[in-house]
Amino acid sequence: MSDSIPQLPTAATAFESKIIAPGDLAERIGGVPRPLVFTNGCFDIVHRGHVTLLAQARALGAALVLALNSDASVRRLGKGAGRPVNKLPDRLAVVAALESVTWVTWFDEDTPLQRILDCRPDILVKGGDWPLETIVGNREVSGWGGCVLSLPFLHQTSTSALVDKIRRL
């Protein structure tokens, strides 16, 4: 048994291999186990509500693809000055490190519709603040026989509330 420090990989850490460029998603999606679950969001400052939603989403299928809003897309949502707090590469790495996430990608558009079309998920999930009729991709996913769910919040947390609290300190 050696007392030497294990060598760290020189390539990207294992979780970073879960980050898939949008242009590669459609080509690689065939290798993902089904049923495939898809969700999306900013995931700017990841909190208990985020990780609970992702764990619930993953439990619904064999794989979970998460699409993050790009920095420009987050700014267009009007989340407030200085948002996102964390830039896209950092947000991608943090959520890729979560066990529940199979793959993470991103979108620069205002909605994730193209990523949904690229994946053709069996199940589309959003948090409980999203009525089914307002979930982008509902019509498409339902049209190919998939299921669309708005999961109730188990924890009343939000990144916007966290940012406001920090600013008041």
C-alpha atoms as a PDB file:
ATOM      1  CA  MET A   1       0.000   0.000   0.000  1.00  0.00           C
ATOM      2  CA  SER A   2       1.385   3.347  -1.029  1.00  0.00           C
ATOM      3  CA  ASP A   3       1.331   6.436   1.171  1.00  0.00           C
ATOM      4  CA  SER A   4       1.551   8.717  -1.850  1.00  0.00           C
ATOM      5  CA  ILE A   5      -1.187  11.156  -2.733  1.00  0.00           C
ATOM      6  CA  PRO A   6      -3.426   9.818  -5.501  1.00  0.00           C
ATOM      7  CA  GLN A   7      -2.919  11.552  -8.824  1.00  0.00           C
ATOM      8  CA  LEU A   8      -5.762  13.830  -9.814  1.00  0.00           C
ATOM      9  CA  PRO A   9      -6.966  13.470 -13.361  1.00  0.00           C
ATOM     10  CA  THR A  10      -5.438  15.987 -15.732  1.00  0.00           C
ATOM     11  CA  ALA A  11      -8.552  15.987 -17.887  1.00  0.00           C
ATOM     12  CA  ALA A  12     -11.890  17.406 -16.764  1.00  0.00           C
ATOM     13  CA  THR A  13     -13.291  15.957 -13.559  1.00  0.00           C
ATOM     14  CA  ALA A  14     -15.809  13.157 -14.032  1.00  0.00           C
ATOM     15  CA  PHE A  15     -18.832  15.353 -13.377  1.00  0.00           C
ATOM     16  CA  GLU A  16     -17.749  17.841 -16.040  1.00  0.00           C
ATOM     17  CA  SER A  17     -18.161  15.082 -18.633  1.00  0.00           C
ATOM     18  CA  LYS A  18     -21.904  15.421 -17.958  1.00  0.00           C
ATOM     19  CA  ILE A  19     -21.874  18.895 -19.584  1.00  0.00           C
ATOM     20  CA  ILE A  20     -23.102  18.553 -23.173  1.00  0.00           C
ATOM     21  CA  ALA A  21     -22.916  21.406 -25.689  1.00  0.00           C
ATOM     22  CA  PRO A  22     -26.297  22.211 -27.218  1.00  0.00           C
ATOM     23  CA  GLY A  23     -25.076  21.311 -30.709  1.00  0.00           C
ATOM     24  CA  ASP A  24     -24.104  17.806 -29.543  1.00  0.00           C
ATOM     25  CA  LEU A  25     -27.258  17.012 -27.605  1.00  0.00           C
ATOM     26  CA  ALA A  26     -29.477  15.649 -30.392  1.00  0.00           C
ATOM     27  CA  GLU A  27     -26.713  13.376 -31.665  1.00  0.00           C
ATOM     28  CA  ARG A  28     -25.861  11.968 -28.228  1.00  0.00           C
ATOM     29  CA  ILE A  29     -29.361  11.596 -26.803  1.00  0.00           C
ATOM     30  CA  GLY A  30     -29.809   8.096 -28.263  1.00  0.00           C
ATOM     31  CA  GLY A  31     -27.386   6.723 -25.688  1.00  0.00           C
ATOM     32  CA  VAL A  32     -29.406   7.934 -22.713  1.00  0.00           C
ATOM     33  CA  PRO A  33     -31.628   5.396 -20.912  1.00  0.00           C
ATOM     34  CA  ARG A  34     -35.385   5.861 -21.064  1.00  0.00           C
ATOM     35  CA  PRO A  35     -37.678   7.079 -19.709  1.00  0.00           C
ATOM     36  CA  LEU A  36     -35.911  10.406 -20.104  1.00  0.00           C
ATOM     37  CA  VAL A  37     -36.902  13.337 -17.891  1.00  0.00           C
ATOM     38  CA  PHE A  38     -36.185  16.949 -18.887  1.00  0.00           C
ATOM     39  CA  THR A  39     -36.285  20.125 -16.840  1.00  0.00           C
ATOM     40  CA  ASN A  40     -34.763  23.567 -17.112  1.00  0.00           C
ATOM     41  CA  GLY A  41     -34.095  26.800 -15.290  1.00  0.00           C
ATOM     42  CA  CYS A  42     -31.484  29.344 -14.229  1.00  0.00           C
ATOM     43  CA  PHE A  43     -30.088  27.474 -11.196  1.00  0.00           C
ATOM     44  CA  ASP A  44     -28.115  30.596 -10.312  1.00  0.00           C
ATOM     45  CA  ILE A  45     -27.530  29.961  -6.600  1.00  0.00           C
ATOM     46  CA  VAL A  46     -28.398  26.312  -6.096  1.00  0.00           C
ATOM     47  CA  HIS A  47     -30.470  25.736  -2.955  1.00  0.00           C
ATOM     48  CA  ARG A  48     -32.507  23.015  -1.265  1.00  0.00           C
ATOM     49  CA  GLY A  49     -35.531  23.649  -3.462  1.00  0.00           C
ATOM     50  CA  HIS A  50     -33.437  23.091  -6.588  1.00  0.00           C
ATOM     51  CA  VAL A  51     -31.813  19.866  -5.437  1.00  0.00           C
ATOM     52  CA  THR A  52     -35.140  18.490  -4.191  1.00  0.00           C
ATOM     53  CA  LEU A  53     -36.831  19.216  -7.521  1.00  0.00           C
ATOM     54  CA  LEU A  54     -33.963  17.589  -9.421  1.00  0.00           C
ATOM     55  CA  ALA A  55     -34.052  14.500  -7.191  1.00  0.00           C
ATOM     56  CA  GLN A  56     -37.828  14.225  -7.641  1.00  0.00           C
ATOM     57  CA  ALA A  57     -37.495  14.646 -11.403  1.00  0.00           C
ATOM     58  CA  ARG A  58     -34.790  11.992 -11.661  1.00  0.00           C
ATOM     59  CA  ALA A  59     -36.896   9.557  -9.627  1.00  0.00           C
ATOM     60  CA  LEU A  60     -39.524   9.736 -12.385  1.00  0.00           C
ATOM     61  CA  GLY A  61     -37.230   8.221 -15.020  1.00  0.00           C
ATOM     62  CA  ALA A  62     -33.958   6.519 -15.814  1.00  0.00           C
ATOM     63  CA  ALA A  63     -32.138   9.725 -16.809  1.00  0.00           C
ATOM     64  CA  LEU A  64     -32.461  13.478 -16.273  1.00  0.00           C
ATOM     65  CA  VAL A  65     -31.374  16.168 -18.718  1.00  0.00           C
ATOM     66  CA  LEU A  66     -31.200  19.662 -17.244  1.00  0.00           C
ATOM     67  CA  ALA A  67     -30.991  22.725 -19.507  1.00  0.00           C
ATOM     68  CA  LEU A  68     -29.773  26.002 -18.019  1.00  0.00           C
ATOM     69  CA  ASN A  69     -30.543  29.484 -19.254  1.00  0.00           C
ATOM     70  CA  SER A  70     -27.414  31.172 -20.614  1.00  0.00           C
ATOM     71  CA  ASP A  71     -26.313  34.352 -18.856  1.00  0.00           C
ATOM     72  CA  ALA A  72     -27.966  36.494 -21.538  1.00  0.00           C
ATOM     73  CA  SER A  73     -31.177  34.473 -21.264  1.00  0.00           C
ATOM     74  CA  VAL A  74     -31.219  34.965 -17.476  1.00  0.00           C
ATOM     75  CA  ARG A  75     -30.780  38.737 -17.913  1.00  0.00           C
ATOM     76  CA  ARG A  76     -33.719  38.841 -20.349  1.00  0.00           C
ATOM     77  CA  LEU A  77     -35.923  37.187 -17.712  1.00  0.00           C
ATOM     78  CA  GLY A  78     -35.638  40.328 -15.593  1.00  0.00           C
ATOM     79  CA  LYS A  79     -34.451  38.552 -12.439  1.00  0.00           C
ATOM     80  CA  GLY A  80     -32.840  41.758 -11.191  1.00  0.00           C
ATOM     81  CA  ALA A  81     -29.594  43.679 -11.305  1.00  0.00           C
ATOM     82  CA  GLY A  82     -26.445  41.620 -11.266  1.00  0.00           C
ATOM     83  CA  ARG A  83     -28.115  38.378 -12.235  1.00  0.00           C
ATOM     84  CA  PRO A  84     -27.041  35.807 -12.800  1.00  0.00           C
ATOM     85  CA  VAL A  85     -24.742  35.905  -9.783  1.00  0.00           C
ATOM     86  CA  ASN A  86     -22.888  32.832 -11.051  1.00  0.00           C
ATOM     87  CA  LYS A  87     -21.817  32.674 -14.684  1.00  0.00           C
ATOM     88  CA  LEU A  88     -22.904  29.816 -16.929  1.00  0.00           C
ATOM     89  CA  PRO A  89     -19.699  27.702 -16.724  1.00  0.00           C
ATOM     90  CA  ASP A  90     -19.901  27.732 -12.922  1.00  0.00           C
ATOM     91  CA  ARG A  91     -23.639  26.969 -12.876  1.00  0.00           C
ATOM     92  CA  LEU A  92     -23.106  24.090 -15.328  1.00  0.00           C
ATOM     93  CA  ALA A  93     -20.329  22.584 -13.187  1.00  0.00           C
ATOM     94  CA  VAL A  94     -22.292  22.837  -9.934  1.00  0.00           C
ATOM     95  CA  VAL A  95     -25.405  21.094 -11.257  1.00  0.00           C
ATOM     96  CA  ALA A  96     -23.339  18.541 -13.203  1.00  0.00           C
ATOM     97  CA  ALA A  97     -21.839  17.476  -9.866  1.00  0.00           C
ATOM     98  CA  LEU A  98     -25.284  16.498  -8.577  1.00  0.00           C
ATOM     99  CA  GLU A  99     -26.006  12.780  -8.588  1.00  0.00           C
ATOM    100  CA  SER A 100     -29.538  13.285  -9.913  1.00  0.00           C
ATOM    101  CA  VAL A 101     -28.370  14.994 -13.128  1.00  0.00           C
ATOM    102  CA  THR A 102     -27.418  12.711 -16.019  1.00  0.00           C
ATOM    103  CA  TRP A 103     -26.537  15.489 -18.463  1.00  0.00           C
ATOM    104  CA  VAL A 104     -26.620  19.268 -18.351  1.00  0.00           C
ATOM    105  CA  THR A 105     -26.764  21.604 -21.327  1.00  0.00           C
ATOM    106  CA  TRP A 106     -27.846  25.185 -21.934  1.00  0.00           C
ATOM    107  CA  PHE A 107     -29.882  27.466 -24.161  1.00  0.00           C
ATOM    108  CA  ASP A 108     -29.437  31.080 -25.195  1.00  0.00           C
ATOM    109  CA  GLU A 109     -32.995  31.520 -26.424  1.00  0.00           C
ATOM    110  CA  ASP A 110     -35.781  32.812 -24.193  1.00  0.00           C
ATOM    111  CA  THR A 111     -37.200  29.285 -23.837  1.00  0.00           C
ATOM    112  CA  PRO A 112     -35.741  25.753 -23.806  1.00  0.00           C
ATOM    113  CA  LEU A 113     -38.008  24.562 -26.628  1.00  0.00           C
ATOM    114  CA  GLN A 114     -35.161  23.625 -28.994  1.00  0.00           C
ATOM    115  CA  ARG A 115     -33.422  21.561 -26.288  1.00  0.00           C
ATOM    116  CA  ILE A 116     -36.751  19.814 -25.601  1.00  0.00           C
ATOM    117  CA  LEU A 117     -37.102  19.022 -29.309  1.00  0.00           C
ATOM    118  CA  ASP A 118     -33.483  17.799 -29.372  1.00  0.00           C
ATOM    119  CA  CYS A 119     -34.134  15.407 -26.447  1.00  0.00           C
ATOM    120  CA  ARG A 120     -37.723  14.329 -27.073  1.00  0.00           C
ATOM    121  CA  PRO A 121     -38.176  13.586 -23.363  1.00  0.00           C
ATOM    122  CA  ASP A 122     -40.740  11.117 -22.085  1.00  0.00           C
ATOM    123  CA  ILE A 123     -41.411  13.358 -19.090  1.00  0.00           C
ATOM    124  CA  LEU A 124     -41.163  17.157 -18.885  1.00  0.00           C
ATOM    125  CA  VAL A 125     -40.973  18.599 -15.360  1.00  0.00           C
ATOM    126  CA  LYS A 126     -41.131  22.091 -13.873  1.00  0.00           C
ATOM    127  CA  GLY A 127     -41.566  23.359 -10.321  1.00  0.00           C
ATOM    128  CA  GLY A 128     -44.956  23.897  -8.738  1.00  0.00           C
ATOM    129  CA  ASP A 129     -45.068  27.595  -9.592  1.00  0.00           C
ATOM    130  CA  TRP A 130     -45.605  26.620 -13.246  1.00  0.00           C
ATOM    131  CA  PRO A 131     -49.207  25.843 -14.267  1.00  0.00           C
ATOM    132  CA  LEU A 132     -49.191  23.038 -16.847  1.00  0.00           C
ATOM    133  CA  GLU A 133     -50.606  25.220 -19.614  1.00  0.00           C
ATOM    134  CA  THR A 134     -47.680  27.658 -19.304  1.00  0.00           C
ATOM    135  CA  ILE A 135     -44.883  25.067 -19.416  1.00  0.00           C
ATOM    136  CA  VAL A 136     -42.877  25.489 -22.610  1.00  0.00           C
ATOM    137  CA  GLY A 137     -42.862  22.205 -24.526  1.00  0.00           C
ATOM    138  CA  ASN A 138     -46.135  20.957 -23.025  1.00  0.00           C
ATOM    139  CA  ARG A 139     -47.866  20.691 -26.393  1.00  0.00           C
ATOM    140  CA  GLU A 140     -44.897  19.026 -28.068  1.00  0.00           C
ATOM    141  CA  VAL A 141     -44.174  16.475 -25.319  1.00  0.00           C
ATOM    142  CA  SER A 142     -47.854  15.643 -24.921  1.00  0.00           C
ATOM    143  CA  GLY A 143     -48.103  15.350 -28.706  1.00  0.00           C
ATOM    144  CA  TRP A 144     -45.561  12.518 -28.882  1.00  0.00           C
ATOM    145  CA  GLY A 145     -47.184  10.716 -25.946  1.00  0.00           C
ATOM    146  CA  GLY A 146     -45.054  12.109 -23.132  1.00  0.00           C
ATOM    147  CA  CYS A 147     -46.117  13.382 -19.746  1.00  0.00           C
ATOM    148  CA  VAL A 148     -45.827  16.953 -18.414  1.00  0.00           C
ATOM    149  CA  LEU A 149     -45.736  17.577 -14.663  1.00  0.00           C
ATOM    150  CA  SER A 150     -45.604  20.589 -12.353  1.00  0.00           C
ATOM    151  CA  LEU A 151     -44.149  19.226  -9.096  1.00  0.00           C
ATOM    152  CA  PRO A 152     -45.290  20.874  -5.863  1.00  0.00           C
ATOM    153  CA  PHE A 153     -42.597  22.650  -3.887  1.00  0.00           C
ATOM    154  CA  LEU A 154     -41.478  20.841  -0.742  1.00  0.00           C
ATOM    155  CA  HIS A 155     -39.283  23.744   0.371  1.00  0.00           C
ATOM    156  CA  GLN A 156     -40.231  27.392  -0.023  1.00  0.00           C
ATOM    157  CA  THR A 157     -36.895  28.772  -1.172  1.00  0.00           C
ATOM    158  CA  SER A 158     -35.881  30.929  -4.095  1.00  0.00           C
ATOM    159  CA  THR A 159     -32.671  32.348  -5.452  1.00  0.00           C
ATOM    160  CA  SER A 160     -34.239  35.804  -5.726  1.00  0.00           C
ATOM    161  CA  ALA A 161     -35.153  35.717  -2.021  1.00  0.00           C
ATOM    162  CA  LEU A 162     -31.610  34.584  -1.138  1.00  0.00           C
ATOM    163  CA  VAL A 163     -30.056  37.378  -3.207  1.00  0.00           C
ATOM    164  CA  ASP A 164     -32.362  39.951  -1.549  1.00  0.00           C
ATOM    165  CA  LYS A 165     -31.440  38.631   1.905  1.00  0.00           C
ATOM    166  CA  ILE A 166     -27.698  38.815   1.154  1.00  0.00           C
ATOM    167  CA  ARG A 167     -28.030  42.363  -0.177  1.00  0.00           C
ATOM    168  CA  ARG A 168     -29.757  43.440   3.073  1.00  0.00           C
ATOM    169  CA  LEU A 169     -26.887  42.133   5.227  1.00  0.00           C
END
